[in-house]
Amino acid sequence: KGLIFNVAIPALCGVFVVIVGWKTKAPGPTIMAVIFAAIVW
């Protein structure tokens, strides 16, 4: 549980932001991805 909450979820949030930013190459969706990742994290 500690590994999931302290390592896996933050890592997945970071990967999510990078993938959205790389795929869209637009600031709007990337900013929203950062906001959603911050909420989940």
All heavy atoms as atom14 arrays in JSON, in Angstrom:
{
  "sequence": "KGLIFNVAIPALCGVFVVIVGWKTKAPGPTIMAVIFAAIVW",
  "atom14_mask": [
    [1, 1, 1, 1, 1, 1, 1, 1, 1, 0, 0, 0, 0, 0],
    [1, 1, 1, 1, 0, 0, 0, 0, 0, 0, 0, 0, 0, 0],
    [1, 1, 1, 1, 1, 1, 1, 1, 0, 0, 0, 0, 0, 0],
    [1, 1, 1, 1, 1, 1, 1, 1, 0, 0, 0, 0, 0, 0],
    [1, 1, 1, 1, 1, 1, 1, 1, 1, 1, 1, 0, 0, 0],
    [1, 1, 1, 1, 1, 1, 1, 1, 0, 0, 0, 0, 0, 0],
    [1, 1, 1, 1, 1, 1, 1, 0, 0, 0, 0, 0, 0, 0],
    [1, 1, 1, 1, 1, 0, 0, 0, 0, 0, 0, 0, 0, 0],
    [1, 1, 1, 1, 1, 1, 1, 1, 0, 0, 0, 0, 0, 0],
    [1, 1, 1, 1, 1, 1, 1, 0, 0, 0, 0, 0, 0, 0],
    [1, 1, 1, 1, 1, 0, 0, 0, 0, 0, 0, 0, 0, 0],
    [1, 1, 1, 1, 1, 1, 1, 1, 0, 0, 0, 0, 0, 0],
    [1, 1, 1, 1, 1, 1, 0, 0, 0, 0, 0, 0, 0, 0],
    [1, 1, 1, 1, 0, 0, 0, 0, 0, 0, 0, 0, 0, 0],
    [1, 1, 1, 1, 1, 1, 1, 0, 0, 0, 0, 0, 0, 0],
    [1, 1, 1, 1, 1, 1, 1, 1, 1, 1, 1, 0, 0, 0],
    [1, 1, 1, 1, 1, 1, 1, 0, 0, 0, 0, 0, 0, 0],
    [1, 1, 1, 1, 1, 1, 1, 0, 0, 0, 0, 0, 0, 0],
    [1, 1, 1, 1, 1, 1, 1, 1, 0, 0, 0, 0, 0, 0],
    [1, 1, 1, 1, 1, 1, 1, 0, 0, 0, 0, 0, 0, 0],
    [1, 1, 1, 1, 0, 0, 0, 0, 0, 0, 0, 0, 0, 0],
    [1, 1, 1, 1, 1, 1, 1, 1, 1, 1, 1, 1, 1, 1],
    [1, 1, 1, 1, 1, 1, 1, 1, 1, 0, 0, 0, 0, 0],
    [1, 1, 1, 1, 1, 1, 1, 0, 0, 0, 0, 0, 0, 0],
    [1, 1, 1, 1, 1, 1, 1, 1, 1, 0, 0, 0, 0, 0],
    [1, 1, 1, 1, 1, 0, 0, 0, 0, 0, 0, 0, 0, 0],
    [1, 1, 1, 1, 1, 1, 1, 0, 0, 0, 0, 0, 0, 0],
    [1, 1, 1, 1, 0, 0, 0, 0, 0, 0, 0, 0, 0, 0],
    [1, 1, 1, 1, 1, 1, 1, 0, 0, 0, 0, 0, 0, 0],
    [1, 1, 1, 1, 1, 1, 1, 0, 0, 0, 0, 0, 0, 0],
    [1, 1, 1, 1, 1, 1, 1, 1, 0, 0, 0, 0, 0, 0],
    [1, 1, 1, 1, 1, 1, 1, 1, 0, 0, 0, 0, 0, 0],
    [1, 1, 1, 1, 1, 0, 0, 0, 0, 0, 0, 0, 0, 0],
    [1, 1, 1, 1, 1, 1, 1, 0, 0, 0, 0, 0, 0, 0],
    [1, 1, 1, 1, 1, 1, 1, 1, 0, 0, 0, 0, 0, 0],
    [1, 1, 1, 1, 1, 1, 1, 1, 1, 1, 1, 0, 0, 0],
    [1, 1, 1, 1, 1, 0, 0, 0, 0, 0, 0, 0, 0, 0],
    [1, 1, 1, 1, 1, 0, 0, 0, 0, 0, 0, 0, 0, 0],
    [1, 1, 1, 1, 1, 1, 1, 1, 0, 0, 0, 0, 0, 0],
    [1, 1, 1, 1, 1, 1, 1, 0, 0, 0, 0, 0, 0, 0],
    [1, 1, 1, 1, 1, 1, 1, 1, 1, 1, 1, 1, 1, 1]
  ],
  "atom14_positions": [
    [[0.83, -1.2, 0.0], [0.0, 0.0, 0.0], [0.87, 1.26, 0.0], [0.63, 2.19, -0.76], [-0.93, 0.0, 1.21], [-1.87, 1.19, 1.25], [-2.79, 1.13, 2.44], [-2.01, 1.4, 3.7], [-2.81, 1.58, 4.89], [0.0, 0.0, 0.0], [0.0, 0.0, 0.0], [0.0, 0.0, 0.0], [0.0, 0.0, 0.0], [0.0, 0.0, 0.0]],
    [[1.9, 1.26, 0.83], [2.81, 2.4, 0.85], [3.52, 2.6, -0.48], [3.69, 3.73, -0.94], [0.0, 0.0, 0.0], [0.0, 0.0, 0.0], [0.0, 0.0, 0.0], [0.0, 0.0, 0.0], [0.0, 0.0, 0.0], [0.0, 0.0, 0.0], [0.0, 0.0, 0.0], [0.0, 0.0, 0.0], [0.0, 0.0, 0.0], [0.0, 0.0, 0.0]],
    [[3.93, 1.49, -1.1], [4.59, 1.57, -2.4], [3.65, 2.14, -3.46], [4.05, 2.98, -4.27], [5.08, 0.18, -2.81], [5.87, 0.08, -4.1], [7.18, 0.84, -3.96], [6.13, -1.37, -4.45], [0.0, 0.0, 0.0], [0.0, 0.0, 0.0], [0.0, 0.0, 0.0], [0.0, 0.0, 0.0], [0.0, 0.0, 0.0], [0.0, 0.0, 0.0]],
    [[2.41, 1.72, -3.43], [1.44, 2.22, -4.41], [1.19, 3.71, -4.21], [1.24, 4.5, -5.15], [0.13, 1.42, -4.34], [0.34, 0.01, -4.88], [-0.99, 2.12, -5.11], [-0.83, -0.93, -4.64], [0.0, 0.0, 0.0], [0.0, 0.0, 0.0], [0.0, 0.0, 0.0], [0.0, 0.0, 0.0], [0.0, 0.0, 0.0], [0.0, 0.0, 0.0]],
    [[0.91, 4.11, -2.95], [0.54, 5.5, -2.7], [1.73, 6.45, -2.78], [1.56, 7.62, -3.13], [-0.15, 5.65, -1.35], [-1.57, 5.16, -1.35], [-1.98, 4.18, -0.48], [-2.49, 5.68, -2.24], [-3.29, 3.72, -0.48], [-3.79, 5.23, -2.26], [-4.19, 4.25, -1.37], [0.0, 0.0, 0.0], [0.0, 0.0, 0.0], [0.0, 0.0, 0.0]],
    [[2.93, 5.99, -2.44], [4.09, 6.88, -2.39], [4.95, 6.85, -3.64], [5.71, 7.78, -3.87], [4.97, 6.54, -1.18], [4.23, 6.78, 0.12], [3.39, 7.64, 0.22], [4.56, 5.98, 1.12], [0.0, 0.0, 0.0], [0.0, 0.0, 0.0], [0.0, 0.0, 0.0], [0.0, 0.0, 0.0], [0.0, 0.0, 0.0], [0.0, 0.0, 0.0]],
    [[4.83, 5.8, -4.46], [5.67, 5.69, -5.64], [4.85, 5.55, -6.92], [5.02, 6.31, -7.87], [6.66, 4.5, -5.51], [7.49, 4.34, -6.76], [7.56, 4.69, -4.3], [0.0, 0.0, 0.0], [0.0, 0.0, 0.0], [0.0, 0.0, 0.0], [0.0, 0.0, 0.0], [0.0, 0.0, 0.0], [0.0, 0.0, 0.0], [0.0, 0.0, 0.0]],
    [[3.95, 4.57, -6.95], [3.25, 4.25, -8.2], [2.31, 5.37, -8.65], [2.34, 5.75, -9.82], [2.48, 2.94, -8.04], [0.0, 0.0, 0.0], [0.0, 0.0, 0.0], [0.0, 0.0, 0.0], [0.0, 0.0, 0.0], [0.0, 0.0, 0.0], [0.0, 0.0, 0.0], [0.0, 0.0, 0.0], [0.0, 0.0, 0.0], [0.0, 0.0, 0.0]],
    [[1.49, 5.89, -7.75], [0.54, 6.93, -8.16], [1.26, 8.2, -8.6], [0.94, 8.75, -9.67], [-0.5, 7.18, -7.06], [-1.42, 5.96, -6.95], [-1.3, 8.45, -7.34], [-2.45, 6.05, -5.85], [0.0, 0.0, 0.0], [0.0, 0.0, 0.0], [0.0, 0.0, 0.0], [0.0, 0.0, 0.0], [0.0, 0.0, 0.0], [0.0, 0.0, 0.0]],
    [[2.26, 8.72, -7.85], [2.98, 9.89, -8.37], [3.68, 9.63, -9.7], [3.68, 10.49, -10.58], [4.0, 10.2, -7.26], [3.38, 9.66, -6.02], [2.64, 8.43, -6.46], [0.0, 0.0, 0.0], [0.0, 0.0, 0.0], [0.0, 0.0, 0.0], [0.0, 0.0, 0.0], [0.0, 0.0, 0.0], [0.0, 0.0, 0.0], [0.0, 0.0, 0.0]],
    [[4.25, 8.42, -9.86], [4.91, 8.11, -11.13], [3.9, 8.07, -12.28], [4.16, 8.61, -13.36], [5.64, 6.77, -11.02], [0.0, 0.0, 0.0], [0.0, 0.0, 0.0], [0.0, 0.0, 0.0], [0.0, 0.0, 0.0], [0.0, 0.0, 0.0], [0.0, 0.0, 0.0], [0.0, 0.0, 0.0], [0.0, 0.0, 0.0], [0.0, 0.0, 0.0]],
    [[2.74, 7.46, -12.05], [1.72, 7.41, -13.09], [1.18, 8.8, -13.41], [0.87, 9.1, -14.57], [0.58, 6.48, -12.67], [0.92, 4.99, -12.69], [-0.24, 4.18, -12.1], [1.22, 4.54, -14.1], [0.0, 0.0, 0.0], [0.0, 0.0, 0.0], [0.0, 0.0, 0.0], [0.0, 0.0, 0.0], [0.0, 0.0, 0.0], [0.0, 0.0, 0.0]],
    [[1.07, 9.65, -12.41], [0.64, 11.03, -12.67], [1.65, 11.76, -13.55], [1.29, 12.47, -14.49], [0.44, 11.78, -11.35], [-1.01, 11.27, -10.43], [0.0, 0.0, 0.0], [0.0, 0.0, 0.0], [0.0, 0.0, 0.0], [0.0, 0.0, 0.0], [0.0, 0.0, 0.0], [0.0, 0.0, 0.0], [0.0, 0.0, 0.0], [0.0, 0.0, 0.0]],
    [[2.93, 11.58, -13.25], [3.97, 12.19, -14.08], [3.97, 11.67, -15.49], [4.08, 12.43, -16.46], [0.0, 0.0, 0.0], [0.0, 0.0, 0.0], [0.0, 0.0, 0.0], [0.0, 0.0, 0.0], [0.0, 0.0, 0.0], [0.0, 0.0, 0.0], [0.0, 0.0, 0.0], [0.0, 0.0, 0.0], [0.0, 0.0, 0.0], [0.0, 0.0, 0.0]],
    [[3.81, 10.36, -15.64], [3.76, 9.75, -16.98], [2.54, 10.27, -17.74], [2.63, 10.58, -18.94], [3.74, 8.21, -16.87], [3.39, 7.56, -18.19], [5.07, 7.71, -16.35], [0.0, 0.0, 0.0], [0.0, 0.0, 0.0], [0.0, 0.0, 0.0], [0.0, 0.0, 0.0], [0.0, 0.0, 0.0], [0.0, 0.0, 0.0], [0.0, 0.0, 0.0]],
    [[1.41, 10.39, -17.05], [0.19, 10.91, -17.68], [0.41, 12.31, -18.23], [0.06, 12.61, -19.38], [-0.95, 10.91, -16.65], [-2.21, 11.56, -17.1], [-3.0, 10.97, -18.07], [-2.62, 12.77, -16.56], [-4.18, 11.56, -18.49], [-3.79, 13.37, -16.97], [-4.57, 12.77, -17.95], [0.0, 0.0, 0.0], [0.0, 0.0, 0.0], [0.0, 0.0, 0.0]],
    [[1.03, 13.18, -17.44], [1.28, 14.56, -17.89], [2.23, 14.57, -19.08], [2.0, 15.29, -20.07], [1.83, 15.41, -16.73], [2.32, 16.76, -17.22], [0.77, 15.59, -15.65], [0.0, 0.0, 0.0], [0.0, 0.0, 0.0], [0.0, 0.0, 0.0], [0.0, 0.0, 0.0], [0.0, 0.0, 0.0], [0.0, 0.0, 0.0], [0.0, 0.0, 0.0]],
    [[3.29, 13.78, -19.02], [4.26, 13.75, -20.13], [3.61, 13.23, -21.41], [3.8, 13.79, -22.49], [5.48, 12.89, -19.73], [6.37, 12.62, -20.93], [6.27, 13.59, -18.63], [0.0, 0.0, 0.0], [0.0, 0.0, 0.0], [0.0, 0.0, 0.0], [0.0, 0.0, 0.0], [0.0, 0.0, 0.0], [0.0, 0.0, 0.0], [0.0, 0.0, 0.0]],
    [[2.82, 12.17, -21.3], [2.19, 11.6, -22.49], [1.18, 12.58, -23.09], [1.15, 12.77, -24.31], [1.53, 10.25, -22.17], [2.62, 9.2, -21.93], [0.59, 9.8, -23.27], [2.11, 7.86, -21.45], [0.0, 0.0, 0.0], [0.0, 0.0, 0.0], [0.0, 0.0, 0.0], [0.0, 0.0, 0.0], [0.0, 0.0, 0.0], [0.0, 0.0, 0.0]],
    [[0.37, 13.2, -22.25], [-0.61, 14.17, -22.78], [0.11, 15.34, -23.43], [-0.26, 15.77, -24.53], [-1.55, 14.66, -21.66], [-2.35, 15.86, -22.11], [-2.48, 13.54, -21.23], [0.0, 0.0, 0.0], [0.0, 0.0, 0.0], [0.0, 0.0, 0.0], [0.0, 0.0, 0.0], [0.0, 0.0, 0.0], [0.0, 0.0, 0.0], [0.0, 0.0, 0.0]],
    [[1.15, 15.85, -22.79], [1.9, 16.96, -23.38], [2.58, 16.59, -24.67], [2.62, 17.36, -25.62], [0.0, 0.0, 0.0], [0.0, 0.0, 0.0], [0.0, 0.0, 0.0], [0.0, 0.0, 0.0], [0.0, 0.0, 0.0], [0.0, 0.0, 0.0], [0.0, 0.0, 0.0], [0.0, 0.0, 0.0], [0.0, 0.0, 0.0], [0.0, 0.0, 0.0]],
    [[3.12, 15.36, -24.73], [3.83, 14.93, -25.93], [2.87, 14.65, -27.08], [3.14, 14.99, -28.23], [4.64, 13.68, -25.6], [5.44, 13.17, -26.74], [6.46, 13.82, -27.38], [5.31, 11.91, -27.38], [6.96, 13.02, -28.38], [6.27, 11.84, -28.4], [4.46, 10.82, -27.17], [6.41, 10.73, -29.21], [4.61, 9.72, -27.97], [5.57, 9.68, -28.99]],
    [[1.73, 14.04, -26.79], [0.78, 13.69, -27.84], [0.04, 14.92, -28.38], [-0.2, 15.02, -29.58], [-0.26, 12.68, -27.32], [0.29, 11.3, -27.12], [0.49, 10.63, -28.45], [0.78, 9.16, -28.24], [0.92, 8.46, -29.49], [0.0, 0.0, 0.0], [0.0, 0.0, 0.0], [0.0, 0.0, 0.0], [0.0, 0.0, 0.0], [0.0, 0.0, 0.0]],
    [[-0.36, 15.83, -27.5], [-1.15, 16.97, -27.96], [-0.3, 18.13, -28.44], [-0.7, 18.87, -29.33], [-2.07, 17.48, -26.84], [-1.28, 17.94, -25.75], [-3.04, 16.41, -26.39], [0.0, 0.0, 0.0], [0.0, 0.0, 0.0], [0.0, 0.0, 0.0], [0.0, 0.0, 0.0], [0.0, 0.0, 0.0], [0.0, 0.0, 0.0], [0.0, 0.0, 0.0]],
    [[0.86, 18.33, -27.83], [1.75, 19.45, -28.15], [1.01, 20.79, -28.07], [1.27, 21.71, -28.84], [2.4, 19.25, -29.5], [3.27, 18.02, -29.57], [4.18, 18.04, -30.75], [5.05, 16.83, -30.92], [4.99, 15.71, -30.1], [0.0, 0.0, 0.0], [0.0, 0.0, 0.0], [0.0, 0.0, 0.0], [0.0, 0.0, 0.0], [0.0, 0.0, 0.0]],
    [[0.07, 20.86, -27.13], [-0.7, 22.08, -26.94], [-0.7, 22.4, -25.44], [-0.74, 21.5, -24.6], [-2.13, 21.9, -27.43], [0.0, 0.0, 0.0], [0.0, 0.0, 0.0], [0.0, 0.0, 0.0], [0.0, 0.0, 0.0], [0.0, 0.0, 0.0], [0.0, 0.0, 0.0], [0.0, 0.0, 0.0], [0.0, 0.0, 0.0], [0.0, 0.0, 0.0]],
    [[-0.68, 23.69, -25.11], [-0.6, 24.04, -23.68], [-1.89, 23.76, -22.91], [-1.83, 23.38, -21.74], [-0.28, 25.53, -23.69], [-0.7, 26.02, -25.03], [-0.57, 24.88, -25.96], [0.0, 0.0, 0.0], [0.0, 0.0, 0.0], [0.0, 0.0, 0.0], [0.0, 0.0, 0.0], [0.0, 0.0, 0.0], [0.0, 0.0, 0.0], [0.0, 0.0, 0.0]],
    [[-3.04, 23.91, -23.53], [-4.31, 23.74, -22.82], [-4.5, 22.34, -22.23], [-4.71, 22.19, -21.02], [0.0, 0.0, 0.0], [0.0, 0.0, 0.0], [0.0, 0.0, 0.0], [0.0, 0.0, 0.0], [0.0, 0.0, 0.0], [0.0, 0.0, 0.0], [0.0, 0.0, 0.0], [0.0, 0.0, 0.0], [0.0, 0.0, 0.0], [0.0, 0.0, 0.0]],
    [[-4.44, 21.31, -23.07], [-4.59, 19.95, -22.53], [-3.49, 19.57, -21.54], [-3.74, 18.85, -20.58], [-4.53, 19.06, -23.77], [-4.9, 19.94, -24.9], [-4.43, 21.3, -24.54], [0.0, 0.0, 0.0], [0.0, 0.0, 0.0], [0.0, 0.0, 0.0], [0.0, 0.0, 0.0], [0.0, 0.0, 0.0], [0.0, 0.0, 0.0], [0.0, 0.0, 0.0]],
    [[-2.29, 20.08, -21.76], [-1.19, 19.77, -20.85], [-1.43, 20.4, -19.48], [-1.19, 19.76, -18.45], [0.15, 20.25, -21.44], [0.31, 19.7, -22.74], [1.31, 19.83, -20.56], [0.0, 0.0, 0.0], [0.0, 0.0, 0.0], [0.0, 0.0, 0.0], [0.0, 0.0, 0.0], [0.0, 0.0, 0.0], [0.0, 0.0, 0.0], [0.0, 0.0, 0.0]],
    [[-1.92, 21.62, -19.46], [-2.23, 22.28, -18.19], [-3.35, 21.54, -17.48], [-3.29, 21.33, -16.26], [-2.59, 23.77, -18.44], [-1.35, 24.53, -18.88], [-3.18, 24.4, -17.18], [-1.63, 25.94, -19.38], [0.0, 0.0, 0.0], [0.0, 0.0, 0.0], [0.0, 0.0, 0.0], [0.0, 0.0, 0.0], [0.0, 0.0, 0.0], [0.0, 0.0, 0.0]],
    [[-4.37, 21.12, -18.21], [-5.45, 20.35, -17.58], [-4.94, 19.01, -17.06], [-5.36, 18.54, -16.0], [-6.6, 20.13, -18.57], [-7.41, 21.38, -18.86], [-8.04, 22.2, -17.4], [-9.11, 20.96, -16.72], [0.0, 0.0, 0.0], [0.0, 0.0, 0.0], [0.0, 0.0, 0.0], [0.0, 0.0, 0.0], [0.0, 0.0, 0.0], [0.0, 0.0, 0.0]],
    [[-4.02, 18.38, -17.79], [-3.43, 17.12, -17.33], [-2.66, 17.34, -16.03], [-2.72, 16.5, -15.12], [-2.52, 16.54, -18.4], [0.0, 0.0, 0.0], [0.0, 0.0, 0.0], [0.0, 0.0, 0.0], [0.0, 0.0, 0.0], [0.0, 0.0, 0.0], [0.0, 0.0, 0.0], [0.0, 0.0, 0.0], [0.0, 0.0, 0.0], [0.0, 0.0, 0.0]],
    [[-1.94, 18.44, -15.93], [-1.22, 18.77, -14.7], [-2.19, 18.96, -13.55], [-1.97, 18.47, -12.44], [-0.33, 20.02, -14.9], [0.22, 20.51, -13.57], [0.8, 19.72, -15.86], [0.0, 0.0, 0.0], [0.0, 0.0, 0.0], [0.0, 0.0, 0.0], [0.0, 0.0, 0.0], [0.0, 0.0, 0.0], [0.0, 0.0, 0.0], [0.0, 0.0, 0.0]],
    [[-3.28, 19.67, -13.78], [-4.28, 19.91, -12.73], [-4.91, 18.6, -12.28], [-5.02, 18.33, -11.08], [-5.34, 20.91, -13.22], [-4.71, 22.3, -13.39], [-6.53, 20.96, -12.27], [-5.59, 23.31, -14.09], [0.0, 0.0, 0.0], [0.0, 0.0, 0.0], [0.0, 0.0, 0.0], [0.0, 0.0, 0.0], [0.0, 0.0, 0.0], [0.0, 0.0, 0.0]],
    [[-5.33, 17.76, -13.22], [-5.93, 16.47, -12.86], [-4.93, 15.57, -12.13], [-5.28, 14.91, -11.16], [-6.48, 15.76, -14.09], [-7.7, 16.41, -14.67], [-7.89, 16.45, -16.04], [-8.67, 16.98, -13.87], [-9.02, 17.04, -16.59], [-9.8, 17.58, -14.4], [-9.97, 17.62, -15.76], [0.0, 0.0, 0.0], [0.0, 0.0, 0.0], [0.0, 0.0, 0.0]],
    [[-3.69, 15.55, -12.6], [-2.67, 14.74, -11.94], [-2.41, 15.24, -10.52], [-2.23, 14.45, -9.59], [-1.38, 14.75, -12.75], [0.0, 0.0, 0.0], [0.0, 0.0, 0.0], [0.0, 0.0, 0.0], [0.0, 0.0, 0.0], [0.0, 0.0, 0.0], [0.0, 0.0, 0.0], [0.0, 0.0, 0.0], [0.0, 0.0, 0.0], [0.0, 0.0, 0.0]],
    [[-2.4, 16.56, -10.34], [-2.2, 17.12, -9.0], [-3.35, 16.74, -8.06], [-3.12, 16.45, -6.88], [-2.05, 18.63, -9.09], [0.0, 0.0, 0.0], [0.0, 0.0, 0.0], [0.0, 0.0, 0.0], [0.0, 0.0, 0.0], [0.0, 0.0, 0.0], [0.0, 0.0, 0.0], [0.0, 0.0, 0.0], [0.0, 0.0, 0.0], [0.0, 0.0, 0.0]],
    [[-4.57, 16.74, -8.57], [-5.73, 16.36, -7.75], [-5.61, 14.9, -7.33], [-5.77, 14.55, -6.16], [-7.04, 16.62, -8.51], [-7.28, 18.13, -8.65], [-8.22, 15.95, -7.8], [-8.42, 18.49, -9.58], [0.0, 0.0, 0.0], [0.0, 0.0, 0.0], [0.0, 0.0, 0.0], [0.0, 0.0, 0.0], [0.0, 0.0, 0.0], [0.0, 0.0, 0.0]],
    [[-5.32, 14.02, -8.28], [-5.19, 12.59, -7.97], [-4.04, 12.36, -7.0], [-4.17, 11.63, -6.01], [-4.99, 11.77, -9.26], [-4.6, 10.34, -8.96], [-6.25, 11.81, -10.1], [0.0, 0.0, 0.0], [0.0, 0.0, 0.0], [0.0, 0.0, 0.0], [0.0, 0.0, 0.0], [0.0, 0.0, 0.0], [0.0, 0.0, 0.0], [0.0, 0.0, 0.0]],
    [[-2.9, 12.98, -7.25], [-1.74, 12.83, -6.39], [-2.04, 13.35, -4.99], [-1.72, 12.71, -3.99], [-0.57, 13.57, -7.0], [0.77, 13.32, -6.37], [1.02, 12.72, -5.18], [2.03, 13.66, -6.92], [2.37, 12.68, -4.95], [3.01, 13.25, -6.0], [2.42, 14.29, -8.09], [4.36, 13.45, -6.23], [3.78, 14.48, -8.3], [4.73, 14.07, -7.39]]
  ]
}
